[in-house]
PDB file of N, CA and C in Angstrom:
ATOM      1  N   MET A   1     -29.454  26.913  12.167  1.00  0.00           N
ATOM      2  CA  MET A   1     -28.564  27.131  10.898  1.00  0.00           C
ATOM      3  C   MET A   1     -28.048  28.536  10.860  1.00  0.00           C
ATOM      4  N   LEU A   2     -26.822  28.772  10.761  1.00  0.00           N
ATOM      5  CA  LEU A   2     -26.270  29.865  10.612  1.00  0.00           C
ATOM      6  C   LEU A   2     -26.152  30.470   9.058  1.00  0.00           C
ATOM      7  N   LYS A   3     -26.201  31.722   8.905  1.00  0.00           N
ATOM      8  CA  LYS A   3     -26.066  32.248   7.496  1.00  0.00           C
ATOM      9  C   LYS A   3     -24.805  33.194   7.568  1.00  0.00           C
ATOM     10  N   PHE A   4     -23.968  33.125   6.519  1.00  0.00           N
ATOM     11  CA  PHE A   4     -22.849  33.873   6.376  1.00  0.00           C
ATOM     12  C   PHE A   4     -23.005  34.607   5.074  1.00  0.00           C
ATOM     13  N   ALA A   5     -22.562  35.877   4.892  1.00  0.00           N
ATOM     14  CA  ALA A   5     -22.603  36.644   3.730  1.00  0.00           C
ATOM     15  C   ALA A   5     -21.177  36.300   3.127  1.00  0.00           C
ATOM     16  N   PRO A   6     -20.948  36.502   1.929  1.00  0.00           N
ATOM     17  CA  PRO A   6     -19.749  36.418   1.419  1.00  0.00           C
ATOM     18  C   PRO A   6     -18.780  37.278   1.550  1.00  0.00           C
ATOM     19  N   VAL A   7     -19.124  38.646   1.994  1.00  0.00           N
ATOM     20  CA  VAL A   7     -18.464  39.463   2.373  1.00  0.00           C
ATOM     21  C   VAL A   7     -17.595  39.209   3.628  1.00  0.00           C
ATOM     22  N   LEU A   8     -18.146  38.558   4.551  1.00  0.00           N
ATOM     23  CA  LEU A   8     -17.413  38.131   5.724  1.00  0.00           C
ATOM     24  C   LEU A   8     -16.239  37.045   5.542  1.00  0.00           C
ATOM     25  N   LEU A   9     -16.405  36.274   4.524  1.00  0.00           N
ATOM     26  CA  LEU A   9     -15.377  35.501   4.053  1.00  0.00           C
ATOM     27  C   LEU A   9     -14.118  36.117   3.505  1.00  0.00           C
ATOM     28  N   SER A  10     -14.574  36.913   2.543  1.00  0.00           N
ATOM     29  CA  SER A  10     -13.499  37.947   1.706  1.00  0.00           C
ATOM     30  C   SER A  10     -12.662  38.670   2.820  1.00  0.00           C
ATOM     31  N   GLN A  11     -13.291  39.129   3.889  1.00  0.00           N
ATOM     32  CA  GLN A  11     -12.466  39.801   4.944  1.00  0.00           C
ATOM     33  C   GLN A  11     -11.544  38.820   5.742  1.00  0.00           C
ATOM     34  N   ARG A  12     -11.807  37.331   5.579  1.00  0.00           N
ATOM     35  CA  ARG A  12     -11.191  36.678   6.336  1.00  0.00           C
ATOM     36  C   ARG A  12     -10.162  35.961   5.308  1.00  0.00           C
ATOM     37  N   GLY A  13      -9.803  36.377   4.190  1.00  0.00           N
ATOM     38  CA  GLY A  13      -8.765  36.042   3.258  1.00  0.00           C
ATOM     39  C   GLY A  13      -9.099  35.407   2.044  1.00  0.00           C
ATOM     40  N   LEU A  14     -10.506  35.086   1.775  1.00  0.00           N
ATOM     41  CA  LEU A  14     -11.101  34.402   0.607  1.00  0.00           C
ATOM     42  C   LEU A  14     -11.474  35.581  -0.285  1.00  0.00           C
ATOM     43  N   GLY A  15     -10.944  35.492  -1.608  1.00  0.00           N
ATOM     44  CA  GLY A  15     -11.256  36.353  -2.609  1.00  0.00           C
ATOM     45  C   GLY A  15     -12.333  35.886  -3.347  1.00  0.00           C
ATOM     46  N   THR A  16     -12.682  37.082  -4.359  1.00  0.00           N
ATOM     47  CA  THR A  16     -13.793  36.760  -5.206  1.00  0.00           C
ATOM     48  C   THR A  16     -13.609  35.727  -6.224  1.00  0.00           C
ATOM     49  N   GLY A  17     -12.441  35.259  -6.678  1.00  0.00           N
ATOM     50  CA  GLY A  17     -12.098  34.144  -7.504  1.00  0.00           C
ATOM     51  C   GLY A  17     -12.314  32.915  -6.805  1.00  0.00           C
ATOM     52  N   ASN A  18     -12.597  32.763  -5.693  1.00  0.00           N
ATOM     53  CA  ASN A  18     -12.937  31.501  -4.992  1.00  0.00           C
ATOM     54  C   ASN A  18     -13.953  30.870  -5.208  1.00  0.00           C
ATOM     55  N   PRO A  19     -13.916  29.568  -5.591  1.00  0.00           N
ATOM     56  CA  PRO A  19     -15.206  28.886  -5.827  1.00  0.00           C
ATOM     57  C   PRO A  19     -16.347  29.080  -4.724  1.00  0.00           C
ATOM     58  N   LEU A  20     -15.954  29.167  -3.621  1.00  0.00           N
ATOM     59  CA  LEU A  20     -16.971  29.240  -2.439  1.00  0.00           C
ATOM     60  C   LEU A  20     -17.700  30.707  -2.602  1.00  0.00           C
ATOM     61  N   MET A  21     -17.032  31.565  -3.267  1.00  0.00           N
ATOM     62  CA  MET A  21     -17.572  33.041  -3.378  1.00  0.00           C
ATOM     63  C   MET A  21     -18.605  33.059  -4.420  1.00  0.00           C
ATOM     64  N   GLN A  22     -18.784  32.094  -5.364  1.00  0.00           N
ATOM     65  CA  GLN A  22     -19.713  32.187  -6.336  1.00  0.00           C
ATOM     66  C   GLN A  22     -21.135  32.161  -5.911  1.00  0.00           C
ATOM     67  N   GLN A  23     -21.375  31.748  -4.679  1.00  0.00           N
ATOM     68  CA  GLN A  23     -22.602  31.658  -3.967  1.00  0.00           C
ATOM     69  C   GLN A  23     -22.963  33.046  -3.447  1.00  0.00           C
ATOM     70  N   THR A  24     -24.187  33.497  -3.333  1.00  0.00           N
ATOM     71  CA  THR A  24     -24.543  34.787  -2.771  1.00  0.00           C
ATOM     72  C   THR A  24     -24.589  34.659  -1.250  1.00  0.00           C
ATOM     73  N   GLU A  25     -25.008  33.503  -0.916  1.00  0.00           N
ATOM     74  CA  GLU A  25     -24.890  33.092   0.515  1.00  0.00           C
ATOM     75  C   GLU A  25     -24.933  31.654   0.622  1.00  0.00           C
ATOM     76  N   PHE A  26     -24.493  31.359   1.909  1.00  0.00           N
ATOM     77  CA  PHE A  26     -24.623  29.764   2.088  1.00  0.00           C
ATOM     78  C   PHE A  26     -24.817  29.597   3.640  1.00  0.00           C
ATOM     79  N   ASN A  27     -25.128  28.466   3.836  1.00  0.00           N
ATOM     80  CA  ASN A  27     -25.576  28.055   5.278  1.00  0.00           C
ATOM     81  C   ASN A  27     -24.202  27.551   6.028  1.00  0.00           C
ATOM     82  N   GLY A  28     -24.284  27.784   7.307  1.00  0.00           N
ATOM     83  CA  GLY A  28     -23.116  27.211   8.288  1.00  0.00           C
ATOM     84  C   GLY A  28     -23.876  26.427   9.201  1.00  0.00           C
ATOM     85  N   LEU A  29     -23.214  25.489   9.934  1.00  0.00           N
ATOM     86  CA  LEU A  29     -23.848  24.660  11.115  1.00  0.00           C
ATOM     87  C   LEU A  29     -22.618  24.497  11.959  1.00  0.00           C
ATOM     88  N   ALA A  30     -22.734  24.782  13.255  1.00  0.00           N
ATOM     89  CA  ALA A  30     -21.828  24.690  14.325  1.00  0.00           C
ATOM     90  C   ALA A  30     -21.579  23.310  14.356  1.00  0.00           C
ATOM     91  N   VAL A  31     -20.282  23.074  14.781  1.00  0.00           N
ATOM     92  CA  VAL A  31     -19.699  21.729  14.696  1.00  0.00           C
ATOM     93  C   VAL A  31     -19.114  21.402  16.043  1.00  0.00           C
ATOM     94  N   THR A  32     -19.593  20.181  16.758  1.00  0.00           N
ATOM     95  CA  THR A  32     -18.952  19.784  17.898  1.00  0.00           C
ATOM     96  C   THR A  32     -18.201  18.494  17.353  1.00  0.00           C
ATOM     97  N   PRO A  33     -16.753  18.546  17.541  1.00  0.00           N
ATOM     98  CA  PRO A  33     -15.803  17.760  16.930  1.00  0.00           C
ATOM     99  C   PRO A  33     -16.130  16.355  17.794  1.00  0.00           C
ATOM    100  N   ALA A  34     -16.179  15.130  17.004  1.00  0.00           N
ATOM    101  CA  ALA A  34     -16.424  13.917  17.552  1.00  0.00           C
ATOM    102  C   ALA A  34     -15.833  12.963  16.700  1.00  0.00           C
ATOM    103  N   ASP A  35     -15.123  11.900  17.320  1.00  0.00           N
ATOM    104  CA  ASP A  35     -14.405  11.003  16.473  1.00  0.00           C
ATOM    105  C   ASP A  35     -15.298  10.116  15.746  1.00  0.00           C
ATOM    106  N   GLY A  36     -16.621   9.733  16.179  1.00  0.00           N
ATOM    107  CA  GLY A  36     -17.545   8.995  15.776  1.00  0.00           C
ATOM    108  C   GLY A  36     -18.744   9.624  14.964  1.00  0.00           C
ATOM    109  N   THR A  37     -18.806  10.690  14.906  1.00  0.00           N
ATOM    110  CA  THR A  37     -20.118  11.453  14.243  1.00  0.00           C
ATOM    111  C   THR A  37     -19.608  12.191  13.129  1.00  0.00           C
ATOM    112  N   ASP A  38     -20.336  11.954  12.037  1.00  0.00           N
ATOM    113  CA  ASP A  38     -20.230  12.663  10.748  1.00  0.00           C
ATOM    114  C   ASP A  38     -20.897  14.109  10.847  1.00  0.00           C
ATOM    115  N   LEU A  39     -20.540  14.926  10.021  1.00  0.00           N
ATOM    116  CA  LEU A  39     -21.129  16.284   9.844  1.00  0.00           C
ATOM    117  C   LEU A  39     -22.746  16.349   9.947  1.00  0.00           C
ATOM    118  N   PRO A  40     -23.394  17.099  10.620  1.00  0.00           N
ATOM    119  CA  PRO A  40     -24.976  16.849  10.466  1.00  0.00           C
ATOM    120  C   PRO A  40     -25.369  17.259   9.138  1.00  0.00           C
ATOM    121  N   GLY A  41     -24.812  18.180   8.392  1.00  0.00           N
ATOM    122  CA  GLY A  41     -25.169  18.566   7.028  1.00  0.00           C
ATOM    123  C   GLY A  41     -24.660  17.692   5.707  1.00  0.00           C
ATOM    124  N   GLY A  42     -23.822  16.528   6.231  1.00  0.00           N
ATOM    125  CA  GLY A  42     -23.073  15.894   5.026  1.00  0.00           C
ATOM    126  C   GLY A  42     -21.913  16.515   4.687  1.00  0.00           C
ATOM    127  N   ILE A  43     -21.553  16.312   3.567  1.00  0.00           N
ATOM    128  CA  ILE A  43     -20.086  16.696   3.083  1.00  0.00           C
ATOM    129  C   ILE A  43     -20.153  18.382   3.083  1.00  0.00           C
ATOM    130  N   CYS A  44     -19.335  18.967   3.913  1.00  0.00           N
ATOM    131  CA  CYS A  44     -19.161  20.460   3.673  1.00  0.00           C
ATOM    132  C   CYS A  44     -18.344  20.926   2.567  1.00  0.00           C
ATOM    133  N   LYS A  45     -18.517  22.228   2.218  1.00  0.00           N
ATOM    134  CA  LYS A  45     -17.747  22.946   1.233  1.00  0.00           C
ATOM    135  C   LYS A  45     -16.396  23.705   1.900  1.00  0.00           C
ATOM    136  N   GLY A  46     -16.665  23.909   3.398  1.00  0.00           N
ATOM    137  CA  GLY A  46     -15.459  24.332   3.799  1.00  0.00           C
ATOM    138  C   GLY A  46     -15.643  24.485   5.251  1.00  0.00           C
ATOM    139  N   LEU A  47     -14.727  24.978   6.078  1.00  0.00           N
ATOM    140  CA  LEU A  47     -14.837  24.932   7.608  1.00  0.00           C
ATOM    141  C   LEU A  47     -14.335  26.573   8.071  1.00  0.00           C
ATOM    142  N   LEU A  48     -14.888  26.875   8.964  1.00  0.00           N
ATOM    143  CA  LEU A  48     -14.435  28.242   9.530  1.00  0.00           C
ATOM    144  C   LEU A  48     -14.183  27.886  11.067  1.00  0.00           C
ATOM    145  N   ALA A  49     -12.917  28.517  11.523  1.00  0.00           N
ATOM    146  CA  ALA A  49     -12.533  28.334  13.008  1.00  0.00           C
ATOM    147  C   ALA A  49     -12.693  29.755  13.565  1.00  0.00           C
ATOM    148  N   THR A  50     -13.318  29.945  14.468  1.00  0.00           N
ATOM    149  CA  THR A  50     -13.430  31.243  15.073  1.00  0.00           C
ATOM    150  C   THR A  50     -12.395  31.148  16.155  1.00  0.00           C
ATOM    151  N   GLY A  51     -11.880  30.191  16.708  1.00  0.00           N
ATOM    152  CA  GLY A  51     -10.953  30.256  17.527  1.00  0.00           C
ATOM    153  C   GLY A  51      -9.688  29.600  17.077  1.00  0.00           C
ATOM    154  N   ALA A  52      -8.266  30.107  17.298  1.00  0.00           N
ATOM    155  CA  ALA A  52      -7.254  29.553  16.794  1.00  0.00           C
ATOM    156  C   ALA A  52      -6.948  28.077  17.127  1.00  0.00           C
ATOM    157  N   GLY A  53      -6.087  27.255  16.416  1.00  0.00           N
ATOM    158  CA  GLY A  53      -5.751  25.977  16.769  1.00  0.00           C
ATOM    159  C   GLY A  53      -5.613  25.044  15.586  1.00  0.00           C
ATOM    160  N   ASN A  54      -5.889  23.802  15.779  1.00  0.00           N
ATOM    161  CA  ASN A  54      -5.835  22.822  14.623  1.00  0.00           C
ATOM    162  C   ASN A  54      -7.025  22.192  14.583  1.00  0.00           C
ATOM    163  N   ILE A  55      -7.544  21.610  13.261  1.00  0.00           N
ATOM    164  CA  ILE A  55      -8.562  20.858  13.195  1.00  0.00           C
ATOM    165  C   ILE A  55      -8.389  19.543  12.362  1.00  0.00           C
ATOM    166  N   ASN A  56      -8.798  18.522  12.935  1.00  0.00           N
ATOM    167  CA  ASN A  56      -8.656  17.067  12.322  1.00  0.00           C
ATOM    168  C   ASN A  56      -9.867  16.586  11.752  1.00  0.00           C
ATOM    169  N   VAL A  57      -9.922  16.380  10.328  1.00  0.00           N
ATOM    170  CA  VAL A  57     -10.971  15.968   9.504  1.00  0.00           C
ATOM    171  C   VAL A  57     -10.723  14.625   8.907  1.00  0.00           C
ATOM    172  N   ASN A  58     -11.923  14.131   8.594  1.00  0.00           N
ATOM    173  CA  ASN A  58     -12.113  13.055   7.588  1.00  0.00           C
ATOM    174  C   ASN A  58     -12.322  13.688   6.115  1.00  0.00           C
ATOM    175  N   LEU A  59     -11.601  13.532   5.144  1.00  0.00           N
ATOM    176  CA  LEU A  59     -11.777  14.141   3.932  1.00  0.00           C
ATOM    177  C   LEU A  59     -12.927  13.394   3.091  1.00  0.00           C
ATOM    178  N   ALA A  60     -13.568  14.254   2.366  1.00  0.00           N
ATOM    179  CA  ALA A  60     -14.714  13.451   1.500  1.00  0.00           C
ATOM    180  C   ALA A  60     -14.238  12.621   0.577  1.00  0.00           C
ATOM    181  N   GLY A  61     -12.991  12.790   0.115  1.00  0.00           N
ATOM    182  CA  GLY A  61     -12.317  11.870  -0.802  1.00  0.00           C
ATOM    183  C   GLY A  61     -11.636  10.659  -0.251  1.00  0.00           C
ATOM    184  N   GLY A  62     -11.623  10.514   1.077  1.00  0.00           N
ATOM    185  CA  GLY A  62     -11.106   9.475   1.806  1.00  0.00           C
ATOM    186  C   GLY A  62      -9.928  10.011   2.533  1.00  0.00           C
ATOM    187  N   GLY A  63      -9.342   9.314   3.562  1.00  0.00           N
ATOM    188  CA  GLY A  63      -8.350   9.715   4.368  1.00  0.00           C
ATOM    189  C   GLY A  63      -8.693  10.724   5.415  1.00  0.00           C
ATOM    190  N   THR A  64      -7.623  11.224   6.165  1.00  0.00           N
ATOM    191  CA  THR A  64      -7.568  12.237   7.371  1.00  0.00           C
ATOM    192  C   THR A  64      -6.636  13.428   6.942  1.00  0.00           C
ATOM    193  N   ALA A  65      -6.862  14.543   7.671  1.00  0.00           N
ATOM    194  CA  ALA A  65      -5.777  15.490   7.493  1.00  0.00           C
ATOM    195  C   ALA A  65      -6.005  16.342   8.710  1.00  0.00           C
ATOM    196  N   VAL A  66      -4.846  16.752   9.347  1.00  0.00           N
ATOM    197  CA  VAL A  66      -4.834  17.639  10.570  1.00  0.00           C
ATOM    198  C   VAL A  66      -4.198  18.829  10.003  1.00  0.00           C
ATOM    199  N   LEU A  67      -5.184  20.047  10.050  1.00  0.00           N
ATOM    200  CA  LEU A  67      -5.018  21.367   9.528  1.00  0.00           C
ATOM    201  C   LEU A  67      -4.408  22.217  10.674  1.00  0.00           C
ATOM    202  N   THR A  68      -3.208  22.407  10.590  1.00  0.00           N
ATOM    203  CA  THR A  68      -2.478  23.008  11.715  1.00  0.00           C
ATOM    204  C   THR A  68      -2.148  24.411  11.802  1.00  0.00           C
ATOM    205  N   GLY A  69      -2.012  25.138  12.912  1.00  0.00           N
ATOM    206  CA  GLY A  69      -1.800  26.546  13.096  1.00  0.00           C
ATOM    207  C   GLY A  69      -2.858  27.533  12.423  1.00  0.00           C
ATOM    208  N   LEU A  70      -4.123  27.057  12.490  1.00  0.00           N
ATOM    209  CA  LEU A  70      -5.177  28.031  12.094  1.00  0.00           C
ATOM    210  C   LEU A  70      -5.353  29.178  12.778  1.00  0.00           C
ATOM    211  N   SER A  71      -5.501  30.392  12.338  1.00  0.00           N
ATOM    212  CA  SER A  71      -5.736  31.598  12.904  1.00  0.00           C
ATOM    213  C   SER A  71      -7.287  31.783  13.244  1.00  0.00           C
ATOM    214  N   ALA A  72      -7.597  32.454  14.064  1.00  0.00           N
ATOM    215  CA  ALA A  72      -8.897  32.856  14.631  1.00  0.00           C
ATOM    216  C   ALA A  72      -9.581  33.499  13.426  1.00  0.00           C
ATOM    217  N   GLY A  73     -10.789  33.116  13.149  1.00  0.00           N
ATOM    218  CA  GLY A  73     -11.553  33.622  11.998  1.00  0.00           C
ATOM    219  C   GLY A  73     -11.139  33.103  10.515  1.00  0.00           C
ATOM    220  N   GLN A  74     -10.179  32.130  10.602  1.00  0.00           N
ATOM    221  CA  GLN A  74      -9.630  31.449   9.216  1.00  0.00           C
ATOM    222  C   GLN A  74     -10.779  30.629   8.611  1.00  0.00           C
ATOM    223  N   ALA A  75     -10.951  30.858   7.446  1.00  0.00           N
ATOM    224  CA  ALA A  75     -11.985  29.810   6.577  1.00  0.00           C
ATOM    225  C   ALA A  75     -11.077  29.178   5.654  1.00  0.00           C
ATOM    226  N   LEU A  76     -11.550  27.734   5.460  1.00  0.00           N
ATOM    227  CA  LEU A  76     -10.967  26.869   4.544  1.00  0.00           C
ATOM    228  C   LEU A  76     -11.781  26.043   3.656  1.00  0.00           C
ATOM    229  N   LEU A  77     -11.286  26.223   2.519  1.00  0.00           N
ATOM    230  CA  LEU A  77     -12.040  25.375   1.541  1.00  0.00           C
ATOM    231  C   LEU A  77     -11.674  23.972   1.499  1.00  0.00           C
ATOM    232  N   ILE A  78     -12.351  23.051   2.023  1.00  0.00           N
ATOM    233  CA  ILE A  78     -12.072  21.748   2.277  1.00  0.00           C
ATOM    234  C   ILE A  78     -13.345  20.972   2.336  1.00  0.00           C
ATOM    235  N   GLU A  79     -13.511  19.827   1.560  1.00  0.00           N
ATOM    236  CA  GLU A  79     -14.592  18.971   1.526  1.00  0.00           C
ATOM    237  C   GLU A  79     -14.309  17.783   2.555  1.00  0.00           C
ATOM    238  N   ALA A  80     -15.160  17.989   3.687  1.00  0.00           N
ATOM    239  CA  ALA A  80     -14.888  17.113   4.915  1.00  0.00           C
ATOM    240  C   ALA A  80     -16.335  16.402   5.192  1.00  0.00           C
ATOM    241  N   THR A  81     -16.177  15.144   5.767  1.00  0.00           N
ATOM    242  CA  THR A  81     -17.339  14.474   6.066  1.00  0.00           C
ATOM    243  C   THR A  81     -17.412  14.435   7.789  1.00  0.00           C
ATOM    244  N   ARG A  82     -16.364  14.788   8.542  1.00  0.00           N
ATOM    245  CA  ARG A  82     -16.125  14.570   9.991  1.00  0.00           C
ATOM    246  C   ARG A  82     -15.139  15.574  10.446  1.00  0.00           C
ATOM    247  N   VAL A  83     -15.453  16.107  11.496  1.00  0.00           N
ATOM    248  CA  VAL A  83     -14.322  17.046  12.340  1.00  0.00           C
ATOM    249  C   VAL A  83     -14.204  16.143  13.580  1.00  0.00           C
ATOM    250  N   LEU A  84     -12.912  15.450  13.672  1.00  0.00           N
ATOM    251  CA  LEU A  84     -12.656  14.558  14.807  1.00  0.00           C
ATOM    252  C   LEU A  84     -12.148  15.391  16.024  1.00  0.00           C
ATOM    253  N   SER A  85     -12.367  14.994  17.110  1.00  0.00           N
ATOM    254  CA  SER A  85     -12.062  15.432  18.446  1.00  0.00           C
ATOM    255  C   SER A  85     -10.713  15.222  18.707  1.00  0.00           C
ATOM    256  N   THR A  86     -10.100  14.189  18.357  1.00  0.00           N
ATOM    257  CA  THR A  86      -8.621  13.907  18.595  1.00  0.00           C
ATOM    258  C   THR A  86      -7.970  14.722  17.694  1.00  0.00           C
ATOM    259  N   SER A  87      -7.111  15.440  18.383  1.00  0.00           N
ATOM    260  CA  SER A  87      -6.055  16.619  17.712  1.00  0.00           C
ATOM    261  C   SER A  87      -6.765  17.813  17.370  1.00  0.00           C
ATOM    262  N   THR A  88      -7.886  17.933  17.485  1.00  0.00           N
ATOM    263  CA  THR A  88      -8.570  19.207  17.269  1.00  0.00           C
ATOM    264  C   THR A  88      -8.589  20.221  18.548  1.00  0.00           C
ATOM    265  N   THR A  89      -7.823  21.346  18.223  1.00  0.00           N
ATOM    266  CA  THR A  89      -7.931  22.232  19.291  1.00  0.00           C
ATOM    267  C   THR A  89      -8.503  23.659  18.909  1.00  0.00           C
ATOM    268  N   ALA A  90      -8.764  23.972  17.889  1.00  0.00           N
ATOM    269  CA  ALA A  90      -9.596  25.075  17.382  1.00  0.00           C
ATOM    270  C   ALA A  90     -10.801  25.042  18.128  1.00  0.00           C
ATOM    271  N   THR A  91     -11.484  26.169  18.276  1.00  0.00           N
ATOM    272  CA  THR A  91     -12.887  26.256  18.876  1.00  0.00           C
ATOM    273  C   THR A  91     -13.671  27.123  17.843  1.00  0.00           C
ATOM    274  N   GLY A  92     -15.108  27.007  18.183  1.00  0.00           N
ATOM    275  CA  GLY A  92     -15.966  27.683  17.289  1.00  0.00           C
ATOM    276  C   GLY A  92     -15.965  27.297  15.965  1.00  0.00           C
ATOM    277  N   ILE A  93     -15.875  26.035  15.680  1.00  0.00           N
ATOM    278  CA  ILE A  93     -15.886  25.491  14.226  1.00  0.00           C
ATOM    279  C   ILE A  93     -17.189  25.589  13.607  1.00  0.00           C
ATOM    280  N   VAL A  94     -17.395  26.021  12.347  1.00  0.00           N
ATOM    281  CA  VAL A  94     -18.718  26.023  11.648  1.00  0.00           C
ATOM    282  C   VAL A  94     -18.268  25.371  10.417  1.00  0.00           C
ATOM    283  N   ALA A  95     -19.185  24.402   9.934  1.00  0.00           N
ATOM    284  CA  ALA A  95     -19.167  23.850   8.645  1.00  0.00           C
ATOM    285  C   ALA A  95     -19.925  24.593   7.642  1.00  0.00           C
ATOM    286  N   LEU A  96     -19.520  24.890   6.486  1.00  0.00           N
ATOM    287  CA  LEU A  96     -20.049  25.745   5.533  1.00  0.00           C
ATOM    288  C   LEU A  96     -20.711  24.778   4.419  1.00  0.00           C
ATOM    289  N   TYR A  97     -21.845  25.134   3.902  1.00  0.00           N
ATOM    290  CA  TYR A  97     -22.607  24.230   2.884  1.00  0.00           C
ATOM    291  C   TYR A  97     -23.126  25.494   1.917  1.00  0.00           C
TER     292      TYR A  97
END
């Protein structure tokens, strides 16, 4: 399990008014995109891509979304249950809890 300090996310464009920033720290799990496997920690609060590209996810509320044009180091507030391998080109994906 990886631990990320909030300051790292604020440097990535998430401000202190962001709900994710209300925690003093949170856990992250490395993600291997797979069309048939849910995230190992259940529904995540966000995703971090350390390598640029797209991330295709199953949303916690139902449906799917392809998040396109992500920059390296970009964090997203999104509740997802799965990161799909189809259409995912970003690398170094971390699910934030």
